[in-house]
Amino acid sequence: MSPNNKKKLTNLRKSLDKLDNSFIKLIKKRTTLVKKVLKLKENKNEIIDKKRIRFILNQIRKKSLKNKIDPKITNRIWKNMIYSYIDYERRNFKKK
C-alpha cells in the first residue's frame, strides 16, 4: 500500500471509529427504551411479536432501497439487533 493510501486508510478508520462511538450512544438510548417496554410486558410470551418484526424488517428494506443501501446489510444488522434485544428481554423478564 502506498504511503498516501495508508494515510487515507488511517483517516477513514478514524471516521469509522467516530461513527462507532455514535452507534454506542444510540444503542444505549435504545436499550433504555427496551427496558421501559419490558416493564410493560406481563407475560414472557409477549417478548416476541412476529408481526412487528416483519413490519420493522419490511420498513428497513424500503428505507434501505430508498437510500441506496444494500438491503441485505441492513436486514442482517436489524435482525441481529432485534434478536439480541429479544435475548436481553428474556434474560431480564421478571414476572409480576
PDB file of N, CA and C in Angstrom:
ATOM      1  N   MET A   1       0.851  -1.178   0.000  1.00  0.00           N
ATOM      2  CA  MET A   1       0.000   0.000   0.000  1.00  0.00           C
ATOM      3  C   MET A   1       0.900   1.246   0.000  1.00  0.00           C
ATOM      4  N   SER A   2       0.524   2.186  -0.801  1.00  0.00           N
ATOM      5  CA  SER A   2       1.323   3.413  -0.893  1.00  0.00           C
ATOM      6  C   SER A   2       1.166   4.245   0.381  1.00  0.00           C
ATOM      7  N   PRO A   3       2.130   5.078   0.698  1.00  0.00           N
ATOM      8  CA  PRO A   3       2.025   5.934   1.888  1.00  0.00           C
ATOM      9  C   PRO A   3       0.779   6.825   1.854  1.00  0.00           C
ATOM     10  N   ASN A   4       0.447   7.290   0.661  1.00  0.00           N
ATOM     11  CA  ASN A   4      -0.745   8.132   0.522  1.00  0.00           C
ATOM     12  C   ASN A   4      -2.015   7.345   0.863  1.00  0.00           C
ATOM     13  N   ASN A   5      -2.081   6.121   0.367  1.00  0.00           N
ATOM     14  CA  ASN A   5      -3.242   5.281   0.659  1.00  0.00           C
ATOM     15  C   ASN A   5      -3.284   4.872   2.130  1.00  0.00           C
ATOM     16  N   LYS A   6      -2.132   4.663   2.743  1.00  0.00           N
ATOM     17  CA  LYS A   6      -2.096   4.341   4.175  1.00  0.00           C
ATOM     18  C   LYS A   6      -2.672   5.487   4.994  1.00  0.00           C
ATOM     19  N   LYS A   7      -2.321   6.698   4.611  1.00  0.00           N
ATOM     20  CA  LYS A   7      -2.830   7.879   5.310  1.00  0.00           C
ATOM     21  C   LYS A   7      -4.350   7.985   5.136  1.00  0.00           C
ATOM     22  N   LYS A   8      -4.815   7.750   3.914  1.00  0.00           N
ATOM     23  CA  LYS A   8      -6.261   7.774   3.645  1.00  0.00           C
ATOM     24  C   LYS A   8      -6.973   6.706   4.475  1.00  0.00           C
ATOM     25  N   LEU A   9      -6.374   5.535   4.532  1.00  0.00           N
ATOM     26  CA  LEU A   9      -6.951   4.440   5.310  1.00  0.00           C
ATOM     27  C   LEU A   9      -7.036   4.811   6.788  1.00  0.00           C
ATOM     28  N   THR A  10      -5.992   5.383   7.309  1.00  0.00           N
ATOM     29  CA  THR A  10      -5.974   5.805   8.717  1.00  0.00           C
ATOM     30  C   THR A  10      -7.080   6.820   8.983  1.00  0.00           C
ATOM     31  N   ASN A  11      -7.241   7.771   8.081  1.00  0.00           N
ATOM     32  CA  ASN A  11      -8.286   8.784   8.253  1.00  0.00           C
ATOM     33  C   ASN A  11      -9.686   8.186   8.162  1.00  0.00           C
ATOM     34  N   LEU A  12      -9.867   7.269   7.232  1.00  0.00           N
ATOM     35  CA  LEU A  12     -11.164   6.603   7.106  1.00  0.00           C
ATOM     36  C   LEU A  12     -11.473   5.786   8.363  1.00  0.00           C
ATOM     37  N   ARG A  13     -10.480   5.118   8.899  1.00  0.00           N
ATOM     38  CA  ARG A  13     -10.685   4.333  10.117  1.00  0.00           C
ATOM     39  C   ARG A  13     -11.031   5.228  11.301  1.00  0.00           C
ATOM     40  N   LYS A  14     -10.432   6.411  11.358  1.00  0.00           N
ATOM     41  CA  LYS A  14     -10.770   7.365  12.424  1.00  0.00           C
ATOM     42  C   LYS A  14     -12.229   7.794  12.297  1.00  0.00           C
ATOM     43  N   SER A  15     -12.665   8.013  11.072  1.00  0.00           N
ATOM     44  CA  SER A  15     -14.064   8.381  10.831  1.00  0.00           C
ATOM     45  C   SER A  15     -14.996   7.241  11.238  1.00  0.00           C
ATOM     46  N   LEU A  16     -14.599   6.023  10.918  1.00  0.00           N
ATOM     47  CA  LEU A  16     -15.400   4.858  11.316  1.00  0.00           C
ATOM     48  C   LEU A  16     -15.464   4.737  12.844  1.00  0.00           C
ATOM     49  N   ASP A  17     -14.359   4.989  13.514  1.00  0.00           N
ATOM     50  CA  ASP A  17     -14.336   4.934  14.976  1.00  0.00           C
ATOM     51  C   ASP A  17     -15.286   5.971  15.583  1.00  0.00           C
ATOM     52  N   LYS A  18     -15.306   7.163  15.009  1.00  0.00           N
ATOM     53  CA  LYS A  18     -16.223   8.203  15.496  1.00  0.00           C
ATOM     54  C   LYS A  18     -17.672   7.777  15.295  1.00  0.00           C
ATOM     55  N   LEU A  19     -17.935   7.206  14.145  1.00  0.00           N
ATOM     56  CA  LEU A  19     -19.282   6.726  13.856  1.00  0.00           C
ATOM     57  C   LEU A  19     -19.674   5.606  14.819  1.00  0.00           C
ATOM     58  N   ASP A  20     -18.744   4.707  15.097  1.00  0.00           N
ATOM     59  CA  ASP A  20     -18.998   3.627  16.054  1.00  0.00           C
ATOM     60  C   ASP A  20     -19.335   4.185  17.430  1.00  0.00           C
ATOM     61  N   ASN A  21     -18.668   5.246  17.828  1.00  0.00           N
ATOM     62  CA  ASN A  21     -18.973   5.877  19.116  1.00  0.00           C
ATOM     63  C   ASN A  21     -20.392   6.442  19.125  1.00  0.00           C
ATOM     64  N   SER A  22     -20.827   6.962  17.995  1.00  0.00           N
ATOM     65  CA  SER A  22     -22.207   7.445  17.873  1.00  0.00           C
ATOM     66  C   SER A  22     -23.191   6.280  17.982  1.00  0.00           C
ATOM     67  N   PHE A  23     -22.842   5.152  17.356  1.00  0.00           N
ATOM     68  CA  PHE A  23     -23.693   3.963  17.443  1.00  0.00           C
ATOM     69  C   PHE A  23     -23.845   3.504  18.891  1.00  0.00           C
ATOM     70  N   ILE A  24     -22.768   3.540  19.627  1.00  0.00           N
ATOM     71  CA  ILE A  24     -22.805   3.114  21.027  1.00  0.00           C
ATOM     72  C   ILE A  24     -23.801   3.975  21.810  1.00  0.00           C
ATOM     73  N   LYS A  25     -23.776   5.264  21.577  1.00  0.00           N
ATOM     74  CA  LYS A  25     -24.712   6.167  22.261  1.00  0.00           C
ATOM     75  C   LYS A  25     -26.149   5.863  21.865  1.00  0.00           C
ATOM     76  N   LEU A  26     -26.371   5.565  20.590  1.00  0.00           N
ATOM     77  CA  LEU A  26     -27.717   5.220  20.135  1.00  0.00           C
ATOM     78  C   LEU A  26     -28.177   3.889  20.727  1.00  0.00           C
ATOM     79  N   ILE A  27     -27.275   2.940  20.829  1.00  0.00           N
ATOM     80  CA  ILE A  27     -27.621   1.642  21.413  1.00  0.00           C
ATOM     81  C   ILE A  27     -27.996   1.815  22.889  1.00  0.00           C
ATOM     82  N   LYS A  28     -27.297   2.680  23.575  1.00  0.00           N
ATOM     83  CA  LYS A  28     -27.634   2.960  24.972  1.00  0.00           C
ATOM     84  C   LYS A  28     -29.048   3.529  25.068  1.00  0.00           C
ATOM     85  N   LYS A  29     -29.387   4.475  24.196  1.00  0.00           N
ATOM     86  CA  LYS A  29     -30.735   5.052  24.185  1.00  0.00           C
ATOM     87  C   LYS A  29     -31.775   3.981  23.861  1.00  0.00           C
ATOM     88  N   ARG A  30     -31.454   3.138  22.894  1.00  0.00           N
ATOM     89  CA  ARG A  30     -32.391   2.084  22.508  1.00  0.00           C
ATOM     90  C   ARG A  30     -32.598   1.100  23.656  1.00  0.00           C
ATOM     91  N   THR A  31     -31.526   0.779  24.335  1.00  0.00           N
ATOM     92  CA  THR A  31     -31.609  -0.144  25.464  1.00  0.00           C
ATOM     93  C   THR A  31     -32.494   0.434  26.566  1.00  0.00           C
ATOM     94  N   THR A  32     -32.377   1.718  26.820  1.00  0.00           N
ATOM     95  CA  THR A  32     -33.222   2.378  27.819  1.00  0.00           C
ATOM     96  C   THR A  32     -34.693   2.245  27.432  1.00  0.00           C
ATOM     97  N   LEU A  33     -35.004   2.428  26.169  1.00  0.00           N
ATOM     98  CA  LEU A  33     -36.389   2.282  25.709  1.00  0.00           C
ATOM     99  C   LEU A  33     -36.866   0.830  25.807  1.00  0.00           C
ATOM    100  N   VAL A  34     -36.004  -0.102  25.455  1.00  0.00           N
ATOM    101  CA  VAL A  34     -36.362  -1.519  25.539  1.00  0.00           C
ATOM    102  C   VAL A  34     -36.655  -1.899  26.994  1.00  0.00           C
ATOM    103  N   LYS A  35     -35.899  -1.368  27.919  1.00  0.00           N
ATOM    104  CA  LYS A  35     -36.150  -1.635  29.340  1.00  0.00           C
ATOM    105  C   LYS A  35     -37.541  -1.159  29.748  1.00  0.00           C
ATOM    106  N   LYS A  36     -37.936  -0.002  29.244  1.00  0.00           N
ATOM    107  CA  LYS A  36     -39.269   0.532  29.552  1.00  0.00           C
ATOM    108  C   LYS A  36     -40.361  -0.344  28.943  1.00  0.00           C
ATOM    109  N   VAL A  37     -40.124  -0.795  27.716  1.00  0.00           N
ATOM    110  CA  VAL A  37     -41.076  -1.686  27.048  1.00  0.00           C
ATOM    111  C   VAL A  37     -41.206  -2.982  27.838  1.00  0.00           C
ATOM    112  N   LEU A  38     -40.084  -3.517  28.274  1.00  0.00           N
ATOM    113  CA  LEU A  38     -40.082  -4.781  29.006  1.00  0.00           C
ATOM    114  C   LEU A  38     -40.898  -4.678  30.296  1.00  0.00           C
ATOM    115  N   LYS A  39     -40.830  -3.551  30.956  1.00  0.00           N
ATOM    116  CA  LYS A  39     -41.597  -3.354  32.194  1.00  0.00           C
ATOM    117  C   LYS A  39     -43.099  -3.427  31.952  1.00  0.00           C
ATOM    118  N   LEU A  40     -43.527  -3.126  30.745  1.00  0.00           N
ATOM    119  CA  LEU A  40     -44.952  -3.157  30.414  1.00  0.00           C
ATOM    120  C   LEU A  40     -45.453  -4.565  30.097  1.00  0.00           C
ATOM    121  N   LYS A  41     -44.558  -5.457  29.780  1.00  0.00           N
ATOM    122  CA  LYS A  41     -44.948  -6.810  29.398  1.00  0.00           C
ATOM    123  C   LYS A  41     -45.247  -7.638  30.639  1.00  0.00           C
ATOM    124  N   GLU A  42     -46.398  -8.271  30.604  1.00  0.00           N
ATOM    125  CA  GLU A  42     -46.842  -9.040  31.768  1.00  0.00           C
ATOM    126  C   GLU A  42     -46.510 -10.516  31.658  1.00  0.00           C
ATOM    127  N   ASN A  43     -46.375 -11.010  30.444  1.00  0.00           N
ATOM    128  CA  ASN A  43     -46.084 -12.424  30.221  1.00  0.00           C
ATOM    129  C   ASN A  43     -44.877 -12.577  29.315  1.00  0.00           C
ATOM    130  N   LYS A  44     -44.130 -13.625  29.566  1.00  0.00           N
ATOM    131  CA  LYS A  44     -42.914 -13.863  28.776  1.00  0.00           C
ATOM    132  C   LYS A  44     -43.232 -14.075  27.295  1.00  0.00           C
ATOM    133  N   ASN A  45     -44.410 -14.586  27.004  1.00  0.00           N
ATOM    134  CA  ASN A  45     -44.767 -14.823  25.599  1.00  0.00           C
ATOM    135  C   ASN A  45     -45.044 -13.523  24.830  1.00  0.00           C
ATOM    136  N   GLU A  46     -45.031 -12.403  25.525  1.00  0.00           N
ATOM    137  CA  GLU A  46     -45.202 -11.103  24.865  1.00  0.00           C
ATOM    138  C   GLU A  46     -43.869 -10.546  24.338  1.00  0.00           C
ATOM    139  N   ILE A  47     -42.806 -11.215  24.656  1.00  0.00           N
ATOM    140  CA  ILE A  47     -41.481 -10.720  24.255  1.00  0.00           C
ATOM    141  C   ILE A  47     -41.323 -10.731  22.741  1.00  0.00           C
ATOM    142  N   ILE A  48     -41.752 -11.788  22.082  1.00  0.00           N
ATOM    143  CA  ILE A  48     -41.598 -11.874  20.623  1.00  0.00           C
ATOM    144  C   ILE A  48     -42.925 -11.533  19.951  1.00  0.00           C
ATOM    145  N   ASP A  49     -42.870 -10.525  19.094  1.00  0.00           N
ATOM    146  CA  ASP A  49     -44.039 -10.119  18.315  1.00  0.00           C
ATOM    147  C   ASP A  49     -43.649 -10.262  16.839  1.00  0.00           C
ATOM    148  N   LYS A  50     -43.945 -11.428  16.287  1.00  0.00           N
ATOM    149  CA  LYS A  50     -43.511 -11.737  14.914  1.00  0.00           C
ATOM    150  C   LYS A  50     -44.073 -10.752  13.889  1.00  0.00           C
ATOM    151  N   LYS A  51     -45.301 -10.325  14.107  1.00  0.00           N
ATOM    152  CA  LYS A  51     -45.912  -9.373  13.186  1.00  0.00           C
ATOM    153  C   LYS A  51     -45.119  -8.058  13.182  1.00  0.00           C
ATOM    154  N   ARG A  52     -44.742  -7.595  14.358  1.00  0.00           N
ATOM    155  CA  ARG A  52     -43.959  -6.350  14.456  1.00  0.00           C
ATOM    156  C   ARG A  52     -42.572  -6.533  13.839  1.00  0.00           C
ATOM    157  N   ILE A  53     -41.965  -7.667  14.063  1.00  0.00           N
ATOM    158  CA  ILE A  53     -40.634  -7.925  13.487  1.00  0.00           C
ATOM    159  C   ILE A  53     -40.712  -7.870  11.962  1.00  0.00           C
ATOM    160  N   ARG A  54     -41.725  -8.526  11.388  1.00  0.00           N
ATOM    161  CA  ARG A  54     -41.897  -8.492   9.925  1.00  0.00           C
ATOM    162  C   ARG A  54     -42.095  -7.065   9.437  1.00  0.00           C
ATOM    163  N   PHE A  55     -42.914  -6.302  10.159  1.00  0.00           N
ATOM    164  CA  PHE A  55     -43.169  -4.910   9.795  1.00  0.00           C
ATOM    165  C   PHE A  55     -41.869  -4.091   9.817  1.00  0.00           C
ATOM    166  N   ILE A  56     -41.110  -4.229  10.886  1.00  0.00           N
ATOM    167  CA  ILE A  56     -39.853  -3.484  11.020  1.00  0.00           C
ATOM    168  C   ILE A  56     -38.899  -3.832   9.882  1.00  0.00           C
ATOM    169  N   LEU A  57     -38.710  -5.114   9.633  1.00  0.00           N
ATOM    170  CA  LEU A  57     -37.770  -5.540   8.594  1.00  0.00           C
ATOM    171  C   LEU A  57     -38.222  -5.079   7.209  1.00  0.00           C
ATOM    172  N   ASN A  58     -39.525  -5.060   6.991  1.00  0.00           N
ATOM    173  CA  ASN A  58     -40.053  -4.574   5.724  1.00  0.00           C
ATOM    174  C   ASN A  58     -39.776  -3.069   5.570  1.00  0.00           C
ATOM    175  N   GLN A  59     -39.975  -2.327   6.646  1.00  0.00           N
ATOM    176  CA  GLN A  59     -39.696  -0.886   6.611  1.00  0.00           C
ATOM    177  C   GLN A  59     -38.208  -0.615   6.389  1.00  0.00           C
ATOM    178  N   ILE A  60     -37.380  -1.387   7.033  1.00  0.00           N
ATOM    179  CA  ILE A  60     -35.937  -1.222   6.877  1.00  0.00           C
ATOM    180  C   ILE A  60     -35.533  -1.497   5.431  1.00  0.00           C
ATOM    181  N   ARG A  61     -36.135  -2.508   4.850  1.00  0.00           N
ATOM    182  CA  ARG A  61     -35.835  -2.819   3.437  1.00  0.00           C
ATOM    183  C   ARG A  61     -36.203  -1.641   2.542  1.00  0.00           C
ATOM    184  N   LYS A  62     -37.402  -1.106   2.727  1.00  0.00           N
ATOM    185  CA  LYS A  62     -37.843   0.035   1.914  1.00  0.00           C
ATOM    186  C   LYS A  62     -36.915   1.231   2.088  1.00  0.00           C
ATOM    187  N   LYS A  63     -36.579   1.524   3.319  1.00  0.00           N
ATOM    188  CA  LYS A  63     -35.693   2.671   3.593  1.00  0.00           C
ATOM    189  C   LYS A  63     -34.297   2.442   3.024  1.00  0.00           C
ATOM    190  N   SER A  64     -33.849   1.210   3.074  1.00  0.00           N
ATOM    191  CA  SER A  64     -32.531   0.875   2.517  1.00  0.00           C
ATOM    192  C   SER A  64     -32.512   1.107   1.017  1.00  0.00           C
ATOM    193  N   LEU A  65     -33.521   0.606   0.346  1.00  0.00           N
ATOM    194  CA  LEU A  65     -33.587   0.776  -1.112  1.00  0.00           C
ATOM    195  C   LEU A  65     -33.694   2.255  -1.472  1.00  0.00           C
ATOM    196  N   LYS A  66     -34.511   2.974  -0.739  1.00  0.00           N
ATOM    197  CA  LYS A  66     -34.679   4.411  -0.988  1.00  0.00           C
ATOM    198  C   LYS A  66     -33.349   5.152  -0.822  1.00  0.00           C
ATOM    199  N   ASN A  67     -32.547   4.725   0.152  1.00  0.00           N
ATOM    200  CA  ASN A  67     -31.266   5.378   0.436  1.00  0.00           C
ATOM    201  C   ASN A  67     -30.076   4.720  -0.263  1.00  0.00           C
ATOM    202  N   LYS A  68     -30.388   3.811  -1.161  1.00  0.00           N
ATOM    203  CA  LYS A  68     -29.354   3.120  -1.955  1.00  0.00           C
ATOM    204  C   LYS A  68     -28.336   2.399  -1.076  1.00  0.00           C
ATOM    205  N   ILE A  69     -28.873   1.673  -0.103  1.00  0.00           N
ATOM    206  CA  ILE A  69     -28.043   0.827   0.765  1.00  0.00           C
ATOM    207  C   ILE A  69     -28.417  -0.616   0.453  1.00  0.00           C
ATOM    208  N   ASP A  70     -27.445  -1.478   0.404  1.00  0.00           N
ATOM    209  CA  ASP A  70     -27.714  -2.895   0.155  1.00  0.00           C
ATOM    210  C   ASP A  70     -28.642  -3.413   1.262  1.00  0.00           C
ATOM    211  N   PRO A  71     -29.866  -3.813   0.908  1.00  0.00           N
ATOM    212  CA  PRO A  71     -30.822  -4.255   1.930  1.00  0.00           C
ATOM    213  C   PRO A  71     -30.398  -5.517   2.688  1.00  0.00           C
ATOM    214  N   LYS A  72     -29.508  -6.300   2.098  1.00  0.00           N
ATOM    215  CA  LYS A  72     -29.014  -7.487   2.815  1.00  0.00           C
ATOM    216  C   LYS A  72     -28.207  -7.062   4.045  1.00  0.00           C
ATOM    217  N   ILE A  73     -27.473  -5.963   3.904  1.00  0.00           N
ATOM    218  CA  ILE A  73     -26.675  -5.473   5.041  1.00  0.00           C
ATOM    219  C   ILE A  73     -27.595  -5.002   6.159  1.00  0.00           C
ATOM    220  N   THR A  74     -28.539  -4.143   5.813  1.00  0.00           N
ATOM    221  CA  THR A  74     -29.411  -3.592   6.865  1.00  0.00           C
ATOM    222  C   THR A  74     -30.316  -4.670   7.464  1.00  0.00           C
ATOM    223  N   ASN A  75     -30.772  -5.595   6.635  1.00  0.00           N
ATOM    224  CA  ASN A  75     -31.600  -6.681   7.163  1.00  0.00           C
ATOM    225  C   ASN A  75     -30.834  -7.490   8.206  1.00  0.00           C
ATOM    226  N   ARG A  76     -29.610  -7.817   7.889  1.00  0.00           N
ATOM    227  CA  ARG A  76     -28.790  -8.600   8.817  1.00  0.00           C
ATOM    228  C   ARG A  76     -28.533  -7.821  10.108  1.00  0.00           C
ATOM    229  N   ILE A  77     -28.232  -6.545   9.969  1.00  0.00           N
ATOM    230  CA  ILE A  77     -27.979  -5.715  11.155  1.00  0.00           C
ATOM    231  C   ILE A  77     -29.230  -5.668  12.038  1.00  0.00           C
ATOM    232  N   TRP A  78     -30.373  -5.377  11.426  1.00  0.00           N
ATOM    233  CA  TRP A  78     -31.601  -5.251  12.226  1.00  0.00           C
ATOM    234  C   TRP A  78     -32.033  -6.582  12.822  1.00  0.00           C
ATOM    235  N   LYS A  79     -31.924  -7.653  12.061  1.00  0.00           N
ATOM    236  CA  LYS A  79     -32.277  -8.967  12.618  1.00  0.00           C
ATOM    237  C   LYS A  79     -31.408  -9.285  13.834  1.00  0.00           C
ATOM    238  N   ASN A  80     -30.122  -9.038  13.709  1.00  0.00           N
ATOM    239  CA  ASN A  80     -29.231  -9.288  14.842  1.00  0.00           C
ATOM    240  C   ASN A  80     -29.584  -8.417  16.035  1.00  0.00           C
ATOM    241  N   MET A  81     -29.910  -7.167  15.764  1.00  0.00           N
ATOM    242  CA  MET A  81     -30.271  -6.260  16.847  1.00  0.00           C
ATOM    243  C   MET A  81     -31.583  -6.714  17.504  1.00  0.00           C
ATOM    244  N   ILE A  82     -32.569  -7.025  16.687  1.00  0.00           N
ATOM    245  CA  ILE A  82     -33.862  -7.470  17.216  1.00  0.00           C
ATOM    246  C   ILE A  82     -33.681  -8.713  18.080  1.00  0.00           C
ATOM    247  N   TYR A  83     -32.981  -9.711  17.570  1.00  0.00           N
ATOM    248  CA  TYR A  83     -32.839 -10.950  18.322  1.00  0.00           C
ATOM    249  C   TYR A  83     -31.908 -10.802  19.531  1.00  0.00           C
ATOM    250  N   SER A  84     -30.997  -9.863  19.461  1.00  0.00           N
ATOM    251  CA  SER A  84     -30.167  -9.567  20.639  1.00  0.00           C
ATOM    252  C   SER A  84     -31.029  -8.963  21.746  1.00  0.00           C
ATOM    253  N   TYR A  85     -31.942  -8.087  21.370  1.00  0.00           N
ATOM    254  CA  TYR A  85     -32.831  -7.493  22.369  1.00  0.00           C
ATOM    255  C   TYR A  85     -33.875  -8.489  22.867  1.00  0.00           C
ATOM    256  N   ILE A  86     -34.290  -9.395  22.021  1.00  0.00           N
ATOM    257  CA  ILE A  86     -35.195 -10.459  22.484  1.00  0.00           C
ATOM    258  C   ILE A  86     -34.484 -11.283  23.550  1.00  0.00           C
ATOM    259  N   ASP A  87     -33.241 -11.619  23.280  1.00  0.00           N
ATOM    260  CA  ASP A  87     -32.445 -12.350  24.264  1.00  0.00           C
ATOM    261  C   ASP A  87     -32.313 -11.542  25.551  1.00  0.00           C
ATOM    262  N   TYR A  88     -32.061 -10.251  25.427  1.00  0.00           N
ATOM    263  CA  TYR A  88     -31.951  -9.368  26.590  1.00  0.00           C
ATOM    264  C   TYR A  88     -33.265  -9.381  27.397  1.00  0.00           C
ATOM    265  N   GLU A  89     -34.378  -9.262  26.686  1.00  0.00           N
ATOM    266  CA  GLU A  89     -35.677  -9.260  27.374  1.00  0.00           C
ATOM    267  C   GLU A  89     -35.934 -10.584  28.087  1.00  0.00           C
ATOM    268  N   ARG A  90     -35.610 -11.677  27.440  1.00  0.00           N
ATOM    269  CA  ARG A  90     -35.804 -12.989  28.081  1.00  0.00           C
ATOM    270  C   ARG A  90     -34.979 -13.106  29.358  1.00  0.00           C
ATOM    271  N   ARG A  91     -33.746 -12.624  29.292  1.00  0.00           N
ATOM    272  CA  ARG A  91     -32.871 -12.709  30.467  1.00  0.00           C
ATOM    273  C   ARG A  91     -33.304 -11.783  31.600  1.00  0.00           C
ATOM    274  N   ASN A  92     -34.010 -10.718  31.248  1.00  0.00           N
ATOM    275  CA  ASN A  92     -34.350  -9.717  32.245  1.00  0.00           C
ATOM    276  C   ASN A  92     -35.839  -9.665  32.578  1.00  0.00           C
ATOM    277  N   PHE A  93     -36.603 -10.552  31.994  1.00  0.00           N
ATOM    278  CA  PHE A  93     -38.043 -10.570  32.275  1.00  0.00           C
ATOM    279  C   PHE A  93     -38.291 -10.974  33.715  1.00  0.00           C
ATOM    280  N   LYS A  94     -39.103 -10.187  34.378  1.00  0.00           N
ATOM    281  CA  LYS A  94     -39.471 -10.507  35.760  1.00  0.00           C
ATOM    282  C   LYS A  94     -40.977 -10.602  35.827  1.00  0.00           C
ATOM    283  N   LYS A  95     -41.437 -11.760  36.194  1.00  0.00           N
ATOM    284  CA  LYS A  95     -42.866 -11.995  36.287  1.00  0.00           C
ATOM    285  C   LYS A  95     -43.455 -11.120  37.387  1.00  0.00           C
ATOM    286  N   LYS A  96     -44.584 -10.513  37.069  1.00  0.00           N
ATOM    287  CA  LYS A  96     -45.219  -9.607  38.033  1.00  0.00           C
ATOM    288  C   LYS A  96     -46.146 -10.346  38.959  1.00  0.00           C
TER     289      LYS A  96
END
